C-alpha atoms as a PDB file:
ATOM      1  CA  MET A   1     122.645 117.838 143.594  1.00  0.00           C
ATOM      2  CA  ILE A   2     118.848 117.681 142.802  1.00  0.00           C
ATOM      3  CA  LYS A   3     118.012 120.758 141.344  1.00  0.00           C
ATOM      4  CA  ILE A   4     114.102 120.182 142.036  1.00  0.00           C
ATOM      5  CA  LYS A   5     111.988 120.389 145.086  1.00  0.00           C
ATOM      6  CA  VAL A   6     108.912 118.093 144.783  1.00  0.00           C
ATOM      7  CA  ILE A   7     105.783 118.665 147.063  1.00  0.00           C
ATOM      8  CA  ASP A   8     103.198 117.130 148.641  1.00  0.00           C
ATOM      9  CA  THR A   9      99.698 118.515 147.672  1.00  0.00           C
ATOM     10  CA  GLY A  10      97.758 116.287 149.948  1.00  0.00           C
ATOM     11  CA  ILE A  11      96.357 114.164 146.793  1.00  0.00           C
ATOM     12  CA  LYS A  12      98.762 110.965 146.573  1.00  0.00           C
ATOM     13  CA  GLU A  13     100.670 111.404 143.170  1.00  0.00           C
ATOM     14  CA  LEU A  14      99.877 114.874 142.639  1.00  0.00           C
ATOM     15  CA  TYR A  15     102.558 117.287 143.216  1.00  0.00           C
ATOM     16  CA  LEU A  16     104.082 120.962 142.829  1.00  0.00           C
ATOM     17  CA  ILE A  17     107.271 121.033 141.673  1.00  0.00           C
ATOM     18  CA  GLU A  18     109.579 123.751 142.590  1.00  0.00           C
ATOM     19  CA  PRO A  19     112.616 124.151 140.807  1.00  0.00           C
ATOM     20  CA  LYS A  20     115.721 125.314 141.502  1.00  0.00           C
ATOM     21  CA  VAL A  21     116.058 129.011 139.990  1.00  0.00           C
ATOM     22  CA  PHE A  22     119.599 131.052 139.141  1.00  0.00           C
ATOM     23  CA  SER A  23     119.446 134.281 138.442  1.00  0.00           C
ATOM     24  CA  ASP A  24     121.208 137.340 138.411  1.00  0.00           C
ATOM     25  CA  SER A  25     121.499 141.159 136.923  1.00  0.00           C
ATOM     26  CA  ARG A  26     121.583 139.585 133.482  1.00  0.00           C
ATOM     27  CA  GLY A  27     117.952 137.418 134.139  1.00  0.00           C
ATOM     28  CA  TYR A  28     117.620 133.780 135.211  1.00  0.00           C
ATOM     29  CA  PHE A  29     118.304 129.578 134.051  1.00  0.00           C
ATOM     30  CA  MET A  30     116.653 126.916 134.882  1.00  0.00           C
ATOM     31  CA  GLU A  31     116.008 123.961 133.563  1.00  0.00           C
ATOM     32  CA  PHE A  32     112.722 122.844 133.782  1.00  0.00           C
ATOM     33  CA  PHE A  33     112.777 119.072 132.492  1.00  0.00           C
ATOM     34  CA  ASN A  34     115.477 116.786 133.902  1.00  0.00           C
ATOM     35  CA  GLU A  35     114.623 112.646 133.324  1.00  0.00           C
ATOM     36  CA  TYR A  36     117.045 111.738 136.079  1.00  0.00           C
ATOM     37  CA  GLU A  37     116.033 115.084 139.223  1.00  0.00           C
ATOM     38  CA  MET A  38     112.217 113.425 138.836  1.00  0.00           C
ATOM     39  CA  GLU A  39     113.163 109.316 138.419  1.00  0.00           C
ATOM     40  CA  GLN A  40     114.998 110.928 142.083  1.00  0.00           C
ATOM     41  CA  CYS A  41     110.997 112.657 143.059  1.00  0.00           C
ATOM     42  CA  GLY A  42     109.849 109.242 142.217  1.00  0.00           C
ATOM     43  CA  ILE A  43     107.855 110.535 139.469  1.00  0.00           C
ATOM     44  CA  LYS A  44     108.912 108.059 136.806  1.00  0.00           C
ATOM     45  CA  THR A  45     106.125 109.217 134.186  1.00  0.00           C
ATOM     46  CA  LYS A  46     107.752 108.999 130.274  1.00  0.00           C
ATOM     47  CA  PHE A  47     106.518 112.280 127.766  1.00  0.00           C
ATOM     48  CA  VAL A  48     105.798 112.019 124.612  1.00  0.00           C
ATOM     49  CA  GLN A  49     104.208 115.910 123.809  1.00  0.00           C
ATOM     50  CA  ASP A  50     104.459 118.776 124.227  1.00  0.00           C
ATOM     51  CA  ASN A  51     102.100 121.558 124.496  1.00  0.00           C
ATOM     52  CA  GLU A  52     101.224 125.543 124.995  1.00  0.00           C
ATOM     53  CA  SER A  53      98.331 127.551 124.936  1.00  0.00           C
ATOM     54  CA  LYS A  54      97.703 131.667 124.962  1.00  0.00           C
ATOM     55  CA  SER A  55      94.592 133.053 126.707  1.00  0.00           C
ATOM     56  CA  GLU A  56      93.198 136.196 127.428  1.00  0.00           C
ATOM     57  CA  LYS A  57      92.037 136.546 131.442  1.00  0.00           C
ATOM     58  CA  GLY A  58      89.328 134.812 132.459  1.00  0.00           C
ATOM     59  CA  VAL A  59      88.981 132.220 130.531  1.00  0.00           C
ATOM     60  CA  LEU A  60      88.345 128.508 132.243  1.00  0.00           C
ATOM     61  CA  ARG A  61      89.911 126.087 130.096  1.00  0.00           C
ATOM     62  CA  GLY A  62      88.789 122.535 131.466  1.00  0.00           C
ATOM     63  CA  LEU A  63      88.104 119.535 133.690  1.00  0.00           C
ATOM     64  CA  HIS A  64      89.191 117.981 130.956  1.00  0.00           C
ATOM     65  CA  PHE A  65      90.994 114.095 130.168  1.00  0.00           C
ATOM     66  CA  GLN A  66      91.496 111.231 128.137  1.00  0.00           C
ATOM     67  CA  THR A  67      89.241 107.606 128.633  1.00  0.00           C
ATOM     68  CA  LYS A  68      91.487 105.579 126.777  1.00  0.00           C
ATOM     69  CA  LYS A  69      95.200 106.421 125.899  1.00  0.00           C
ATOM     70  CA  THR A  70      95.093 108.559 129.315  1.00  0.00           C
ATOM     71  CA  GLN A  71      97.785 111.800 130.238  1.00  0.00           C
ATOM     72  CA  ALA A  72     100.162 112.135 132.639  1.00  0.00           C
ATOM     73  CA  LYS A  73     100.669 116.336 132.783  1.00  0.00           C
ATOM     74  CA  LEU A  74     103.273 118.115 134.043  1.00  0.00           C
ATOM     75  CA  VAL A  75     102.568 121.412 133.692  1.00  0.00           C
ATOM     76  CA  ARG A  76     103.423 125.385 133.590  1.00  0.00           C
ATOM     77  CA  VAL A  77     102.897 129.189 132.703  1.00  0.00           C
ATOM     78  CA  ILE A  78     106.052 130.507 130.701  1.00  0.00           C
ATOM     79  CA  SER A  79     103.688 133.921 131.313  1.00  0.00           C
ATOM     80  CA  GLY A  80     101.293 135.286 133.532  1.00  0.00           C
ATOM     81  CA  GLU A  81      98.715 134.166 135.713  1.00  0.00           C
ATOM     82  CA  VAL A  82      96.706 130.739 136.644  1.00  0.00           C
ATOM     83  CA  PHE A  83      95.293 129.285 139.388  1.00  0.00           C
ATOM     84  CA  ASP A  84      95.931 125.474 137.798  1.00  0.00           C
ATOM     85  CA  VAL A  85      93.145 122.921 139.218  1.00  0.00           C
ATOM     86  CA  ALA A  86      93.359 118.955 138.835  1.00  0.00           C
ATOM     87  CA  VAL A  87      90.757 116.611 140.378  1.00  0.00           C
ATOM     88  CA  ASP A  88      91.246 113.406 141.390  1.00  0.00           C
ATOM     89  CA  LEU A  89      89.375 110.595 139.836  1.00  0.00           C
ATOM     90  CA  ARG A  90      90.108 107.384 140.822  1.00  0.00           C
ATOM     91  CA  LYS A  91      87.575 105.404 142.023  1.00  0.00           C
ATOM     92  CA  GLY A  92      88.950 103.776 145.375  1.00  0.00           C
ATOM     93  CA  SER A  93      91.595 106.694 146.054  1.00  0.00           C
ATOM     94  CA  PRO A  94      91.461 107.695 149.073  1.00  0.00           C
ATOM     95  CA  THR A  95      91.142 111.443 147.715  1.00  0.00           C
ATOM     96  CA  TYR A  96      87.976 110.903 145.200  1.00  0.00           C
ATOM     97  CA  LYS A  97      86.052 113.649 143.602  1.00  0.00           C
ATOM     98  CA  LYS A  98      88.863 115.985 145.591  1.00  0.00           C
ATOM     99  CA  TRP A  99      90.427 118.675 144.232  1.00  0.00           C
ATOM    100  CA  HIS A 100      93.870 121.111 144.301  1.00  0.00           C
ATOM    101  CA  GLY A 101      94.597 124.430 143.208  1.00  0.00           C
ATOM    102  CA  VAL A 102      98.223 126.377 142.518  1.00  0.00           C
ATOM    103  CA  ILE A 103      98.916 129.546 141.009  1.00  0.00           C
ATOM    104  CA  LEU A 104     101.082 129.098 138.577  1.00  0.00           C
ATOM    105  CA  SER A 105     103.170 132.013 137.272  1.00  0.00           C
ATOM    106  CA  GLY A 106     105.550 133.323 134.471  1.00  0.00           C
ATOM    107  CA  GLN A 107     107.153 134.687 138.097  1.00  0.00           C
ATOM    108  CA  ASN A 108     106.829 131.497 140.305  1.00  0.00           C
ATOM    109  CA  LYS A 109     108.052 129.028 137.542  1.00  0.00           C
ATOM    110  CA  ASN A 110     106.373 126.462 140.286  1.00  0.00           C
ATOM    111  CA  GLN A 111     105.220 122.703 138.087  1.00  0.00           C
ATOM    112  CA  PHE A 112     102.367 120.976 138.436  1.00  0.00           C
ATOM    113  CA  TYR A 113     102.483 117.255 137.822  1.00  0.00           C
ATOM    114  CA  ILE A 114      99.082 115.902 137.405  1.00  0.00           C
ATOM    115  CA  PRO A 115      99.124 111.805 137.081  1.00  0.00           C
ATOM    116  CA  GLU A 116      96.616 109.868 134.481  1.00  0.00           C
ATOM    117  CA  GLY A 117      93.256 109.349 136.437  1.00  0.00           C
ATOM    118  CA  PHE A 118      93.112 113.306 137.446  1.00  0.00           C
ATOM    119  CA  ALA A 119      90.143 115.621 135.639  1.00  0.00           C
ATOM    120  CA  HIS A 120      93.006 119.086 134.918  1.00  0.00           C
ATOM    121  CA  GLY A 121      91.656 123.022 134.365  1.00  0.00           C
ATOM    122  CA  PHE A 122      93.183 126.224 134.355  1.00  0.00           C
ATOM    123  CA  LEU A 123      91.392 130.213 134.777  1.00  0.00           C
ATOM    124  CA  VAL A 124      93.647 132.490 133.845  1.00  0.00           C
ATOM    125  CA  LEU A 125      94.346 135.318 136.353  1.00  0.00           C
ATOM    126  CA  SER A 126      96.181 137.414 134.761  1.00  0.00           C
ATOM    127  CA  GLU A 127      96.034 139.373 131.205  1.00  0.00           C
ATOM    128  CA  GLU A 128      97.683 137.320 129.419  1.00  0.00           C
ATOM    129  CA  ALA A 129      98.332 134.231 130.210  1.00  0.00           C
ATOM    130  CA  VAL A 130     100.824 131.549 127.923  1.00  0.00           C
ATOM    131  CA  PHE A 131     100.646 127.327 129.384  1.00  0.00           C
ATOM    132  CA  THR A 132     102.486 124.556 128.275  1.00  0.00           C
ATOM    133  CA  TYR A 133     102.104 121.051 129.153  1.00  0.00           C
ATOM    134  CA  LYS A 134     103.978 117.954 128.941  1.00  0.00           C
ATOM    135  CA  CYS A 135     101.980 114.666 128.112  1.00  0.00           C
ATOM    136  CA  SER A 136     102.629 111.393 128.538  1.00  0.00           C
ATOM    137  CA  ASP A 137     100.614 109.731 125.731  1.00  0.00           C
ATOM    138  CA  TYR A 138      99.353 111.193 122.635  1.00  0.00           C
ATOM    139  CA  TYR A 139      95.745 113.537 122.269  1.00  0.00           C
ATOM    140  CA  ALA A 140      93.657 111.504 121.529  1.00  0.00           C
ATOM    141  CA  PRO A 141      90.351 112.588 120.483  1.00  0.00           C
ATOM    142  CA  GLU A 142      87.593 109.329 120.611  1.00  0.00           C
ATOM    143  CA  TYR A 143      88.878 109.482 123.719  1.00  0.00           C
ATOM    144  CA  ASP A 144      88.463 113.287 124.719  1.00  0.00           C
ATOM    145  CA  SER A 145      86.395 113.821 127.600  1.00  0.00           C
ATOM    146  CA  GLY A 146      85.758 116.312 130.561  1.00  0.00           C
ATOM    147  CA  ILE A 147      83.021 117.671 133.724  1.00  0.00           C
ATOM    148  CA  ILE A 148      81.723 120.702 133.830  1.00  0.00           C
ATOM    149  CA  TRP A 149      84.124 123.170 135.831  1.00  0.00           C
ATOM    150  CA  ASN A 150      81.403 124.557 138.242  1.00  0.00           C
ATOM    151  CA  ASP A 151      79.863 120.356 139.219  1.00  0.00           C
ATOM    152  CA  PRO A 152      78.520 121.285 142.405  1.00  0.00           C
ATOM    153  CA  GLU A 153      79.910 117.450 143.961  1.00  0.00           C
ATOM    154  CA  ILE A 154      83.074 118.596 143.532  1.00  0.00           C
ATOM    155  CA  GLY A 155      83.411 122.345 144.584  1.00  0.00           C
ATOM    156  CA  ILE A 156      86.481 123.766 142.714  1.00  0.00           C
ATOM    157  CA  GLN A 157      86.779 127.020 144.863  1.00  0.00           C
ATOM    158  CA  TRP A 158      87.377 129.612 141.122  1.00  0.00           C
ATOM    159  CA  PRO A 159      89.085 132.999 142.317  1.00  0.00           C
ATOM    160  CA  LEU A 160      86.274 134.308 140.502  1.00  0.00           C
ATOM    161  CA  ASP A 161      86.804 137.631 142.423  1.00  0.00           C
ATOM    162  CA  GLN A 162      88.095 139.796 139.675  1.00  0.00           C
ATOM    163  CA  ILE A 163      86.499 137.594 136.265  1.00  0.00           C
ATOM    164  CA  SER A 164      82.573 137.993 136.687  1.00  0.00           C
ATOM    165  CA  THR A 165      82.276 135.175 134.329  1.00  0.00           C
ATOM    166  CA  PRO A 166      84.982 132.309 133.186  1.00  0.00           C
ATOM    167  CA  LEU A 167      85.430 132.317 129.815  1.00  0.00           C
ATOM    168  CA  LEU A 168      84.482 128.695 127.785  1.00  0.00           C
ATOM    169  CA  SER A 169      84.284 126.580 125.041  1.00  0.00           C
ATOM    170  CA  GLU A 170      81.619 126.290 123.289  1.00  0.00           C
ATOM    171  CA  LYS A 171      82.671 122.108 124.123  1.00  0.00           C
ATOM    172  CA  ASP A 172      83.903 123.074 127.905  1.00  0.00           C
ATOM    173  CA  LYS A 173      80.249 125.337 127.606  1.00  0.00           C
ATOM    174  CA  THR A 174      78.149 121.447 127.463  1.00  0.00           C
ATOM    175  CA  LEU A 175      80.404 119.143 129.642  1.00  0.00           C
ATOM    176  CA  LYS A 176      78.339 116.603 131.784  1.00  0.00           C
ATOM    177  CA  SER A 177      78.619 116.490 135.836  1.00  0.00           C
ATOM    178  CA  LEU A 178      81.108 113.864 137.789  1.00  0.00           C
ATOM    179  CA  LYS A 179      77.506 112.317 138.479  1.00  0.00           C
ATOM    180  CA  ASP A 180      76.477 111.382 134.452  1.00  0.00           C
ATOM    181  CA  GLN A 181      79.806 109.730 133.535  1.00  0.00           C
ATOM    182  CA  ASP A 182      81.176 106.570 133.484  1.00  0.00           C
ATOM    183  CA  LEU A 183      84.774 107.323 134.767  1.00  0.00           C
ATOM    184  CA  PRO A 184      87.232 104.612 134.225  1.00  0.00           C
ATOM    185  CA  PHE A 185      89.933 105.513 136.576  1.00  0.00           C
ATOM    186  CA  ILE A 186      91.265 102.885 139.653  1.00  0.00           C
ATOM    187  CA  TYR A 187      93.486 103.724 141.880  1.00  0.00           C
ATOM    188  CA  ARG A 188      95.506 101.275 142.429  1.00  0.00           C
ATOM    189  CA  GLY A 189      97.621 102.489 145.587  1.00  0.00           C
END
């Protein structure tokens, strides 16, 4: 019995994943990762690193990627709520420069699978959020890169109605726009 539901986002290989949650009066149980079930659903990524961050309301992290030692990610929120975004940066892709955003929360327990060749970022909507993700390759600071969060060429519609100004790291404030980058990602269809 498959205990996850994989939902197509309209961008090839980018998926929202709904785990099967077993709840009763005592609480809940769920598998948040099962390699066999992921493979049965067409996701054959081997993960080698797990990361976790805690952020306050209004923190915007991203849009990040690595130019070499590229990473696929499986992201989720343990507590709180975020608006999570992936941008297709694969040259030749029919969805090149398109983005997709989802709400991830400790309550809905959904996950977002982001393949290699995508930029990734999130905005914290709750008072705080604990965010965790699996990566298919190790962090390599020498290949760390990104695109400015409000690049007009991409046009992400961040839900900023309750947040006056996003809180950015110094690094994220200086990220370049998409047009000023030479991206290495190629769509393999």
